[in-house]
PDB file of all heavy atoms in Angstrom:
ATOM      1  N   LEU A   1     112.210  77.537 108.802  1.00  0.00           N
ATOM      2  CA  LEU A   1     112.274  78.016 107.425  1.00  0.00           C
ATOM      3  C   LEU A   1     112.232  79.542 107.381  1.00  0.00           C
ATOM      4  O   LEU A   1     111.873  80.181 108.364  1.00  0.00           O
ATOM      5  CB  LEU A   1     111.105  77.441 106.630  1.00  0.00           C
ATOM      6  CG  LEU A   1     111.150  75.929 106.417  1.00  0.00           C
ATOM      7  CD1 LEU A   1     109.893  75.473 105.700  1.00  0.00           C
ATOM      8  CD2 LEU A   1     112.366  75.521 105.620  1.00  0.00           C
ATOM      9  N   PRO A   2     112.560  80.114 106.243  1.00  0.00           N
ATOM     10  CA  PRO A   2     112.512  81.580 106.116  1.00  0.00           C
ATOM     11  C   PRO A   2     111.121  82.124 106.417  1.00  0.00           C
ATOM     12  O   PRO A   2     110.123  81.417 106.375  1.00  0.00           O
ATOM     13  CB  PRO A   2     112.872  81.812 104.644  1.00  0.00           C
ATOM     14  CG  PRO A   2     113.553  80.582 104.193  1.00  0.00           C
ATOM     15  CD  PRO A   2     113.004  79.455 105.027  1.00  0.00           C
ATOM     16  N   LYS A   3     111.063  83.430 106.687  1.00  0.00           N
ATOM     17  CA  LYS A   3     109.804  84.097 107.033  1.00  0.00           C
ATOM     18  C   LYS A   3     108.728  83.919 105.969  1.00  0.00           C
ATOM     19  O   LYS A   3     107.553  83.962 106.265  1.00  0.00           O
ATOM     20  CB  LYS A   3     110.049  85.590 107.256  1.00  0.00           C
ATOM     21  CG  LYS A   3     110.790  85.892 108.516  1.00  0.00           C
ATOM     22  CD  LYS A   3     110.946  87.387 108.675  1.00  0.00           C
ATOM     23  CE  LYS A   3     111.692  87.725 109.941  1.00  0.00           C
ATOM     24  NZ  LYS A   3     111.834  89.166 110.111  1.00  0.00           N
ATOM     25  N   TYR A   4     109.128  83.697 104.731  1.00  0.00           N
ATOM     26  CA  TYR A   4     108.170  83.535 103.631  1.00  0.00           C
ATOM     27  C   TYR A   4     107.128  82.472 103.955  1.00  0.00           C
ATOM     28  O   TYR A   4     105.948  82.627 103.692  1.00  0.00           O
ATOM     29  CB  TYR A   4     108.927  83.150 102.361  1.00  0.00           C
ATOM     30  CG  TYR A   4     108.047  82.870 101.175  1.00  0.00           C
ATOM     31  CD1 TYR A   4     107.612  83.901 100.360  1.00  0.00           C
ATOM     32  CD2 TYR A   4     107.650  81.572 100.874  1.00  0.00           C
ATOM     33  CE1 TYR A   4     106.798  83.654  99.268  1.00  0.00           C
ATOM     34  CE2 TYR A   4     106.838  81.320  99.780  1.00  0.00           C
ATOM     35  CZ  TYR A   4     106.416  82.356  98.987  1.00  0.00           C
ATOM     36  OH  TYR A   4     105.617  82.110  97.926  1.00  0.00           O
ATOM     37  N   PHE A   5     107.549  81.359 104.533  1.00  0.00           N
ATOM     38  CA  PHE A   5     106.649  80.239 104.781  1.00  0.00           C
ATOM     39  C   PHE A   5     105.768  80.423 106.003  1.00  0.00           C
ATOM     40  O   PHE A   5     104.769  79.731 106.146  1.00  0.00           O
ATOM     41  CB  PHE A   5     107.451  78.940 104.901  1.00  0.00           C
ATOM     42  CG  PHE A   5     108.093  78.550 103.611  1.00  0.00           C
ATOM     43  CD1 PHE A   5     109.447  78.773 103.404  1.00  0.00           C
ATOM     44  CD2 PHE A   5     107.343  77.992 102.594  1.00  0.00           C
ATOM     45  CE1 PHE A   5     110.036  78.427 102.199  1.00  0.00           C
ATOM     46  CE2 PHE A   5     107.930  77.647 101.382  1.00  0.00           C
ATOM     47  CZ  PHE A   5     109.285  77.870 101.186  1.00  0.00           C
ATOM     48  N   SER A   6     106.119  81.331 106.890  1.00  0.00           N
ATOM     49  CA  SER A   6     105.294  81.536 108.084  1.00  0.00           C
ATOM     50  C   SER A   6     104.508  82.845 108.013  1.00  0.00           C
ATOM     51  O   SER A   6     103.926  83.261 108.988  1.00  0.00           O
ATOM     52  CB  SER A   6     106.176  81.527 109.333  1.00  0.00           C
ATOM     53  OG  SER A   6     107.137  82.552 109.273  1.00  0.00           O
ATOM     54  N   SER A   7     104.473  83.447 106.846  1.00  0.00           N
ATOM     55  CA  SER A   7     103.744  84.700 106.663  1.00  0.00           C
ATOM     56  C   SER A   7     102.242  84.458 106.682  1.00  0.00           C
ATOM     57  O   SER A   7     101.770  83.356 106.426  1.00  0.00           O
ATOM     58  CB  SER A   7     104.111  85.332 105.318  1.00  0.00           C
ATOM     59  OG  SER A   7     105.486  85.609 105.266  1.00  0.00           O
ATOM     60  N   GLU A   8     101.508  85.519 106.948  1.00  0.00           N
ATOM     61  CA  GLU A   8     100.049  85.467 106.866  1.00  0.00           C
ATOM     62  C   GLU A   8      99.658  85.736 105.414  1.00  0.00           C
ATOM     63  O   GLU A   8     100.037  86.748 104.840  1.00  0.00           O
ATOM     64  CB  GLU A   8      99.435  86.527 107.788  1.00  0.00           C
ATOM     65  CG  GLU A   8      97.940  86.625 107.702  1.00  0.00           C
ATOM     66  CD  GLU A   8      97.201  85.391 108.170  1.00  0.00           C
ATOM     67  OE1 GLU A   8      97.782  84.556 108.871  1.00  0.00           O
ATOM     68  OE2 GLU A   8      96.024  85.257 107.818  1.00  0.00           O
ATOM     69  N   TRP A   9      98.897  84.815 104.822  1.00  0.00           N
ATOM     70  CA  TRP A   9      98.467  84.951 103.436  1.00  0.00           C
ATOM     71  C   TRP A   9      97.074  85.557 103.399  1.00  0.00           C
ATOM     72  O   TRP A   9      96.317  85.480 104.362  1.00  0.00           O
ATOM     73  CB  TRP A   9      98.505  83.594 102.742  1.00  0.00           C
ATOM     74  CG  TRP A   9      99.908  83.115 102.615  1.00  0.00           C
ATOM     75  CD1 TRP A   9     100.622  82.432 103.556  1.00  0.00           C
ATOM     76  CD2 TRP A   9     100.798  83.343 101.537  1.00  0.00           C
ATOM     77  NE1 TRP A   9     101.896  82.202 103.107  1.00  0.00           N
ATOM     78  CE2 TRP A   9     102.032  82.744 101.869  1.00  0.00           C
ATOM     79  CE3 TRP A   9     100.674  83.980 100.307  1.00  0.00           C
ATOM     80  CZ2 TRP A   9     103.129  82.782 101.015  1.00  0.00           C
ATOM     81  CZ3 TRP A   9     101.764  84.006  99.462  1.00  0.00           C
ATOM     82  CH2 TRP A   9     102.978  83.415  99.822  1.00  0.00           C
ATOM     83  N   SER A  10      96.723  86.150 102.283  1.00  0.00           N
ATOM     84  CA  SER A  10      95.450  86.866 102.198  1.00  0.00           C
ATOM     85  C   SER A  10      94.253  85.929 102.305  1.00  0.00           C
ATOM     86  O   SER A  10      94.288  84.791 101.862  1.00  0.00           O
ATOM     87  CB  SER A  10      95.378  87.682 100.909  1.00  0.00           C
ATOM     88  OG  SER A  10      95.371  86.869  99.774  1.00  0.00           O
ATOM     89  N   VAL A  11      93.195  86.464 102.896  1.00  0.00           N
ATOM     90  CA  VAL A  11      91.931  85.751 103.062  1.00  0.00           C
ATOM     91  C   VAL A  11      91.122  85.827 101.774  1.00  0.00           C
ATOM     92  O   VAL A  11      90.435  84.883 101.403  1.00  0.00           O
ATOM     93  CB  VAL A  11      91.129  86.379 104.231  1.00  0.00           C
ATOM     94  CG1 VAL A  11      89.721  85.830 104.303  1.00  0.00           C
ATOM     95  CG2 VAL A  11      91.853  86.176 105.542  1.00  0.00           C
ATOM     96  N   ALA A  12      91.197  86.962 101.088  1.00  0.00           N
ATOM     97  CA  ALA A  12      90.419  87.169  99.870  1.00  0.00           C
ATOM     98  C   ALA A  12      91.203  88.025  98.887  1.00  0.00           C
ATOM     99  O   ALA A  12      92.053  88.816  99.284  1.00  0.00           O
ATOM    100  CB  ALA A  12      89.092  87.844 100.214  1.00  0.00           C
ATOM    101  N   GLN A  13      90.887  87.830  97.602  1.00  0.00           N
ATOM    102  CA  GLN A  13      91.566  88.564  96.542  1.00  0.00           C
ATOM    103  C   GLN A  13      90.546  89.041  95.510  1.00  0.00           C
ATOM    104  O   GLN A  13      89.500  88.427  95.334  1.00  0.00           O
ATOM    105  CB  GLN A  13      92.595  87.689  95.801  1.00  0.00           C
ATOM    106  CG  GLN A  13      93.548  86.916  96.676  1.00  0.00           C
ATOM    107  CD  GLN A  13      92.949  85.637  97.216  1.00  0.00           C
ATOM    108  OE1 GLN A  13      92.198  84.963  96.544  1.00  0.00           O
ATOM    109  NE2 GLN A  13      93.264  85.316  98.457  1.00  0.00           N
ATOM    110  N   PHE A  14      90.909  90.124  94.823  1.00  0.00           N
ATOM    111  CA  PHE A  14      90.118  90.608  93.695  1.00  0.00           C
ATOM    112  C   PHE A  14      91.101  91.095  92.648  1.00  0.00           C
ATOM    113  O   PHE A  14      92.024  91.855  92.953  1.00  0.00           O
ATOM    114  CB  PHE A  14      89.181  91.738  94.125  1.00  0.00           C
ATOM    115  CG  PHE A  14      88.225  92.163  93.055  1.00  0.00           C
ATOM    116  CD1 PHE A  14      87.190  91.334  92.656  1.00  0.00           C
ATOM    117  CD2 PHE A  14      88.360  93.400  92.433  1.00  0.00           C
ATOM    118  CE1 PHE A  14      86.309  91.723  91.656  1.00  0.00           C
ATOM    119  CE2 PHE A  14      87.480  93.798  91.438  1.00  0.00           C
ATOM    120  CZ  PHE A  14      86.447  92.959  91.050  1.00  0.00           C
ATOM    121  N   ARG A  15      90.930  90.653  91.411  1.00  0.00           N
ATOM    122  CA  ARG A  15      91.849  91.003  90.331  1.00  0.00           C
ATOM    123  C   ARG A  15      91.281  92.138  89.481  1.00  0.00           C
ATOM    124  O   ARG A  15      90.120  92.106  89.086  1.00  0.00           O
ATOM    125  CB  ARG A  15      92.118  89.777  89.479  1.00  0.00           C
ATOM    126  CG  ARG A  15      92.712  88.676  90.331  1.00  0.00           C
ATOM    127  CD  ARG A  15      93.236  87.505  89.618  1.00  0.00           C
ATOM    128  NE  ARG A  15      93.531  86.362  90.439  1.00  0.00           N
ATOM    129  CZ  ARG A  15      94.245  86.300  91.538  1.00  0.00           C
ATOM    130  NH1 ARG A  15      94.759  87.383  92.031  1.00  0.00           N
ATOM    131  NH2 ARG A  15      94.463  85.192  92.181  1.00  0.00           N
ATOM    132  N   LEU A  16      92.141  93.105  89.212  1.00  0.00           N
ATOM    133  CA  LEU A  16      91.774  94.297  88.440  1.00  0.00           C
ATOM    134  C   LEU A  16      92.706  94.424  87.247  1.00  0.00           C
ATOM    135  O   LEU A  16      93.790  93.829  87.231  1.00  0.00           O
ATOM    136  CB  LEU A  16      91.915  95.540  89.321  1.00  0.00           C
ATOM    137  CG  LEU A  16      90.985  95.597  90.527  1.00  0.00           C
ATOM    138  CD1 LEU A  16      91.518  96.555  91.567  1.00  0.00           C
ATOM    139  CD2 LEU A  16      89.609  96.015  90.075  1.00  0.00           C
ATOM    140  N   PRO A  17      92.308  95.219  86.252  1.00  0.00           N
ATOM    141  CA  PRO A  17      93.223  95.467  85.135  1.00  0.00           C
ATOM    142  C   PRO A  17      94.503  96.149  85.637  1.00  0.00           C
ATOM    143  O   PRO A  17      94.444  97.092  86.418  1.00  0.00           O
ATOM    144  CB  PRO A  17      92.436  96.401  84.226  1.00  0.00           C
ATOM    145  CG  PRO A  17      91.011  96.233  84.620  1.00  0.00           C
ATOM    146  CD  PRO A  17      91.018  95.871  86.069  1.00  0.00           C
ATOM    147  N   GLU A  18      95.644  95.642  85.204  1.00  0.00           N
ATOM    148  CA  GLU A  18      96.918  96.266  85.580  1.00  0.00           C
ATOM    149  C   GLU A  18      97.073  97.575  84.819  1.00  0.00           C
ATOM    150  O   GLU A  18      96.447  97.797  83.803  1.00  0.00           O
ATOM    151  CB  GLU A  18      98.094  95.331  85.255  1.00  0.00           C
ATOM    152  CG  GLU A  18      98.236  94.192  86.233  1.00  0.00           C
ATOM    153  CD  GLU A  18      99.530  93.428  86.029  1.00  0.00           C
ATOM    154  OE1 GLU A  18     100.610  94.061  86.052  1.00  0.00           O
ATOM    155  OE2 GLU A  18      99.451  92.212  85.847  1.00  0.00           O
ATOM    156  N   GLY A  19      97.919  98.444  85.342  1.00  0.00           N
ATOM    157  CA  GLY A  19      98.218  99.690  84.660  1.00  0.00           C
ATOM    158  C   GLY A  19      97.578 100.908  85.296  1.00  0.00           C
ATOM    159  O   GLY A  19      97.866 102.017  84.900  1.00  0.00           O
ATOM    160  N   SER A  20      96.691 100.704  86.255  1.00  0.00           N
ATOM    161  CA  SER A  20      96.081 101.834  86.948  1.00  0.00           C
ATOM    162  C   SER A  20      96.316 101.664  88.441  1.00  0.00           C
ATOM    163  O   SER A  20      96.462 100.546  88.937  1.00  0.00           O
ATOM    164  CB  SER A  20      94.579 101.893  86.665  1.00  0.00           C
ATOM    165  OG  SER A  20      94.026 103.053  87.260  1.00  0.00           O
ATOM    166  N   GLN A  21      96.377 102.763  89.143  1.00  0.00           N
ATOM    167  CA  GLN A  21      96.501 102.707  90.597  1.00  0.00           C
ATOM    168  C   GLN A  21      95.101 102.690  91.203  1.00  0.00           C
ATOM    169  O   GLN A  21      94.189 103.340  90.693  1.00  0.00           O
ATOM    170  CB  GLN A  21      97.287 103.904  91.116  1.00  0.00           C
ATOM    171  CG  GLN A  21      98.734 103.886  90.687  1.00  0.00           C
ATOM    172  CD  GLN A  21      99.512 105.047  91.302  1.00  0.00           C
ATOM    173  OE1 GLN A  21      99.014 105.780  92.132  1.00  0.00           O
ATOM    174  NE2 GLN A  21     100.744 105.199  90.865  1.00  0.00           N
ATOM    175  N   TYR A  22      94.958 101.953  92.304  1.00  0.00           N
ATOM    176  CA  TYR A  22      93.666 101.814  92.965  1.00  0.00           C
ATOM    177  C   TYR A  22      93.782 102.172  94.440  1.00  0.00           C
ATOM    178  O   TYR A  22      94.761 101.823  95.093  1.00  0.00           O
ATOM    179  CB  TYR A  22      93.142 100.378  92.831  1.00  0.00           C
ATOM    180  CG  TYR A  22      92.906  99.981  91.394  1.00  0.00           C
ATOM    181  CD1 TYR A  22      93.896  99.326  90.664  1.00  0.00           C
ATOM    182  CD2 TYR A  22      91.709 100.271  90.763  1.00  0.00           C
ATOM    183  CE1 TYR A  22      93.691  98.962  89.347  1.00  0.00           C
ATOM    184  CE2 TYR A  22      91.487  99.916  89.441  1.00  0.00           C
ATOM    185  CZ  TYR A  22      92.488  99.261  88.738  1.00  0.00           C
ATOM    186  OH  TYR A  22      92.279  98.915  87.428  1.00  0.00           O
ATOM    187  N   ILE A  23      92.768 102.853  94.939  1.00  0.00           N
ATOM    188  CA  ILE A  23      92.663 103.196  96.354  1.00  0.00           C
ATOM    189  C   ILE A  23      91.567 102.318  96.939  1.00  0.00           C
ATOM    190  O   ILE A  23      90.507 102.145  96.330  1.00  0.00           O
ATOM    191  CB  ILE A  23      92.322 104.694  96.536  1.00  0.00           C
ATOM    192  CG1 ILE A  23      93.447 105.536  95.950  1.00  0.00           C
ATOM    193  CG2 ILE A  23      92.079 105.016  98.001  1.00  0.00           C
ATOM    194  CD1 ILE A  23      93.125 107.008  95.868  1.00  0.00           C
ATOM    195  N   VAL A  24      91.819 101.746  98.129  1.00  0.00           N
ATOM    196  CA  VAL A  24      90.866 100.817  98.735  1.00  0.00           C
ATOM    197  C   VAL A  24      90.361 101.331 100.072  1.00  0.00           C
ATOM    198  O   VAL A  24      91.041 102.089 100.761  1.00  0.00           O
ATOM    199  CB  VAL A  24      91.501  99.425  98.922  1.00  0.00           C
ATOM    200  CG1 VAL A  24      91.765  98.765  97.589  1.00  0.00           C
ATOM    201  CG2 VAL A  24      92.789  99.511  99.728  1.00  0.00           C
ATOM    202  N   ALA A  25      89.148 100.905 100.413  1.00  0.00           N
ATOM    203  CA  ALA A  25      88.540 101.231 101.702  1.00  0.00           C
ATOM    204  C   ALA A  25      87.507 100.155 102.013  1.00  0.00           C
ATOM    205  O   ALA A  25      87.084  99.414 101.122  1.00  0.00           O
ATOM    206  CB  ALA A  25      87.873 102.603 101.663  1.00  0.00           C
ATOM    207  N   PHE A  26      87.093 100.091 103.271  1.00  0.00           N
ATOM    208  CA  PHE A  26      86.031  99.169 103.652  1.00  0.00           C
ATOM    209  C   PHE A  26      84.697  99.869 103.481  1.00  0.00           C
ATOM    210  O   PHE A  26      84.556 101.050 103.780  1.00  0.00           O
ATOM    211  CB  PHE A  26      86.222  98.684 105.092  1.00  0.00           C
ATOM    212  CG  PHE A  26      87.302  97.655 105.200  1.00  0.00           C
ATOM    213  CD1 PHE A  26      88.605  98.027 105.438  1.00  0.00           C
ATOM    214  CD2 PHE A  26      87.010  96.307 105.012  1.00  0.00           C
ATOM    215  CE1 PHE A  26      89.621  97.088 105.506  1.00  0.00           C
ATOM    216  CE2 PHE A  26      88.015  95.359 105.068  1.00  0.00           C
ATOM    217  CZ  PHE A  26      89.316  95.742 105.316  1.00  0.00           C
ATOM    218  N   GLY A  27      83.709  99.125 102.974  1.00  0.00           N
ATOM    219  CA  GLY A  27      82.376  99.665 102.761  1.00  0.00           C
ATOM    220  C   GLY A  27      81.562  99.656 104.043  1.00  0.00           C
ATOM    221  O   GLY A  27      82.007  99.165 105.084  1.00  0.00           O
ATOM    222  N   HIS A  28      80.346 100.178 103.970  1.00  0.00           N
ATOM    223  CA  HIS A  28      79.456 100.226 105.123  1.00  0.00           C
ATOM    224  C   HIS A  28      78.882  98.859 105.459  1.00  0.00           C
ATOM    225  O   HIS A  28      78.665  98.542 106.617  1.00  0.00           O
ATOM    226  CB  HIS A  28      78.314 101.225 104.894  1.00  0.00           C
ATOM    227  CG  HIS A  28      78.789 102.650 104.842  1.00  0.00           C
ATOM    228  ND1 HIS A  28      79.235 103.313 105.957  1.00  0.00           N
ATOM    229  CD2 HIS A  28      78.900 103.511 103.807  1.00  0.00           C
ATOM    230  CE1 HIS A  28      79.601 104.535 105.615  1.00  0.00           C
ATOM    231  NE2 HIS A  28      79.401 104.686 104.315  1.00  0.00           N
ATOM    232  N   GLN A  29      78.612  98.041 104.446  1.00  0.00           N
ATOM    233  CA  GLN A  29      78.091  96.704 104.695  1.00  0.00           C
ATOM    234  C   GLN A  29      79.228  95.779 105.129  1.00  0.00           C
ATOM    235  O   GLN A  29      80.379  95.968 104.739  1.00  0.00           O
ATOM    236  CB  GLN A  29      77.414  96.117 103.444  1.00  0.00           C
ATOM    237  CG  GLN A  29      76.146  96.822 103.032  1.00  0.00           C
ATOM    238  CD  GLN A  29      76.424  98.082 102.219  1.00  0.00           C
ATOM    239  OE1 GLN A  29      77.505  98.255 101.682  1.00  0.00           O
ATOM    240  NE2 GLN A  29      75.445  98.965 102.146  1.00  0.00           N
ATOM    241  N   LYS A  30      78.876  94.785 105.916  1.00  0.00           N
ATOM    242  CA  LYS A  30      79.867  93.852 106.452  1.00  0.00           C
ATOM    243  C   LYS A  30      80.612  93.141 105.320  1.00  0.00           C
ATOM    244  O   LYS A  30      80.001  92.720 104.338  1.00  0.00           O
ATOM    245  CB  LYS A  30      79.175  92.822 107.343  1.00  0.00           C
ATOM    246  CG  LYS A  30      80.136  91.896 108.036  1.00  0.00           C
ATOM    247  CD  LYS A  30      79.423  90.983 109.001  1.00  0.00           C
ATOM    248  CE  LYS A  30      80.446  90.116 109.712  1.00  0.00           C
ATOM    249  NZ  LYS A  30      79.845  89.305 110.755  1.00  0.00           N
ATOM    250  N   ASN A  31      81.934  93.060 105.465  1.00  0.00           N
ATOM    251  CA  ASN A  31      82.818  92.350 104.535  1.00  0.00           C
ATOM    252  C   ASN A  31      82.748  92.892 103.106  1.00  0.00           C
ATOM    253  O   ASN A  31      82.853  92.142 102.148  1.00  0.00           O
ATOM    254  CB  ASN A  31      82.535  90.846 104.545  1.00  0.00           C
ATOM    255  CG  ASN A  31      82.726  90.233 105.913  1.00  0.00           C
ATOM    256  OD1 ASN A  31      83.467  90.743 106.745  1.00  0.00           O
ATOM    257  ND2 ASN A  31      82.051  89.135 106.172  1.00  0.00           N
ATOM    258  N   THR A  32      82.571  94.207 102.972  1.00  0.00           N
ATOM    259  CA  THR A  32      82.598  94.810 101.640  1.00  0.00           C
ATOM    260  C   THR A  32      83.801  95.736 101.510  1.00  0.00           C
ATOM    261  O   THR A  32      84.246  96.349 102.479  1.00  0.00           O
ATOM    262  CB  THR A  32      81.308  95.593 101.315  1.00  0.00           C
ATOM    263  OG1 THR A  32      81.129  96.623 102.281  1.00  0.00           O
ATOM    264  CG2 THR A  32      80.103  94.687 101.258  1.00  0.00           C
ATOM    265  N   ILE A  33      84.292  95.810 100.292  1.00  0.00           N
ATOM    266  CA  ILE A  33      85.454  96.633  99.947  1.00  0.00           C
ATOM    267  C   ILE A  33      85.033  97.590  98.846  1.00  0.00           C
ATOM    268  O   ILE A  33      84.331  97.200  97.911  1.00  0.00           O
ATOM    269  CB  ILE A  33      86.612  95.753  99.414  1.00  0.00           C
ATOM    270  CG1 ILE A  33      86.984  94.654 100.403  1.00  0.00           C
ATOM    271  CG2 ILE A  33      87.827  96.598  99.052  1.00  0.00           C
ATOM    272  CD1 ILE A  33      87.496  95.138 101.710  1.00  0.00           C
ATOM    273  N   VAL A  34      85.471  98.836  98.928  1.00  0.00           N
ATOM    274  CA  VAL A  34      85.250  99.831  97.890  1.00  0.00           C
ATOM    275  C   VAL A  34      86.603 100.115  97.258  1.00  0.00           C
ATOM    276  O   VAL A  34      87.600 100.329  97.954  1.00  0.00           O
ATOM    277  CB  VAL A  34      84.646 101.122  98.485  1.00  0.00           C
ATOM    278  CG1 VAL A  34      84.508 102.190  97.426  1.00  0.00           C
ATOM    279  CG2 VAL A  34      83.301 100.820  99.130  1.00  0.00           C
ATOM    280  N   ILE A  35      86.640 100.112  95.936  1.00  0.00           N
ATOM    281  CA  ILE A  35      87.883 100.308  95.190  1.00  0.00           C
ATOM    282  C   ILE A  35      87.680 101.455  94.205  1.00  0.00           C
ATOM    283  O   ILE A  35      86.746 101.428  93.409  1.00  0.00           O
ATOM    284  CB  ILE A  35      88.268  99.030  94.421  1.00  0.00           C
ATOM    285  CG1 ILE A  35      88.328  97.828  95.363  1.00  0.00           C
ATOM    286  CG2 ILE A  35      89.582  99.231  93.675  1.00  0.00           C
ATOM    287  CD1 ILE A  35      88.270  96.484  94.653  1.00  0.00           C
ATOM    288  N   LEU A  36      88.556 102.446  94.263  1.00  0.00           N
ATOM    289  CA  LEU A  36      88.515 103.578  93.330  1.00  0.00           C
ATOM    290  C   LEU A  36      89.788 103.576  92.503  1.00  0.00           C
ATOM    291  O   LEU A  36      90.890 103.589  93.048  1.00  0.00           O
ATOM    292  CB  LEU A  36      88.411 104.898  94.095  1.00  0.00           C
ATOM    293  CG  LEU A  36      87.181 105.059  94.985  1.00  0.00           C
ATOM    294  CD1 LEU A  36      87.304 106.323  95.825  1.00  0.00           C
ATOM    295  CD2 LEU A  36      85.928 105.093  94.142  1.00  0.00           C
ATOM    296  N   GLY A  37      89.631 103.568  91.184  1.00  0.00           N
ATOM    297  CA  GLY A  37      90.782 103.559  90.285  1.00  0.00           C
ATOM    298  C   GLY A  37      91.079 104.930  89.732  1.00  0.00           C
ATOM    299  O   GLY A  37      90.177 105.741  89.522  1.00  0.00           O
ATOM    300  N   MET A  38      92.347 105.192  89.496  1.00  0.00           N
ATOM    301  CA  MET A  38      92.748 106.462  88.897  1.00  0.00           C
ATOM    302  C   MET A  38      92.240 106.578  87.456  1.00  0.00           C
ATOM    303  O   MET A  38      92.253 107.652  86.883  1.00  0.00           O
ATOM    304  CB  MET A  38      94.275 106.614  88.917  1.00  0.00           C
ATOM    305  CG  MET A  38      94.844 106.624  90.308  1.00  0.00           C
ATOM    306  SD  MET A  38      94.150 107.963  91.264  1.00  0.00           S
ATOM    307  CE  MET A  38      95.222 107.963  92.668  1.00  0.00           C
ATOM    308  N   ASP A  39      91.763 105.474  86.896  1.00  0.00           N
ATOM    309  CA  ASP A  39      91.198 105.475  85.551  1.00  0.00           C
ATOM    310  C   ASP A  39      89.705 105.798  85.557  1.00  0.00           C
ATOM    311  O   ASP A  39      89.028 105.685  84.545  1.00  0.00           O
ATOM    312  CB  ASP A  39      91.436 104.121  84.880  1.00  0.00           C
ATOM    313  CG  ASP A  39      90.794 102.964  85.642  1.00  0.00           C
ATOM    314  OD1 ASP A  39      90.220 103.177  86.726  1.00  0.00           O
ATOM    315  OD2 ASP A  39      90.880 101.829  85.141  1.00  0.00           O
ATOM    316  N   GLY A  40      89.148 106.186  86.724  1.00  0.00           N
ATOM    317  CA  GLY A  40      87.741 106.531  86.841  1.00  0.00           C
ATOM    318  C   GLY A  40      86.858 105.382  87.283  1.00  0.00           C
ATOM    319  O   GLY A  40      85.646 105.540  87.417  1.00  0.00           O
ATOM    320  N   SER A  41      87.441 104.222  87.519  1.00  0.00           N
ATOM    321  CA  SER A  41      86.642 103.045  87.879  1.00  0.00           C
ATOM    322  C   SER A  41      86.265 103.034  89.356  1.00  0.00           C
ATOM    323  O   SER A  41      86.986 103.543  90.209  1.00  0.00           O
ATOM    324  CB  SER A  41      87.394 101.765  87.526  1.00  0.00           C
ATOM    325  OG  SER A  41      88.626 101.707  88.225  1.00  0.00           O
TER     326      SER A  41
END
């Protein structure tokens, strides 16, 4: 089948308000994510 079906899918997701750009990084604690939004979030 096409590559679509053999792709690696995400392990985890987080939904944010659309309309702003977000920068992501890993936090100091295990399995944590830090998200900074251009809207100040």
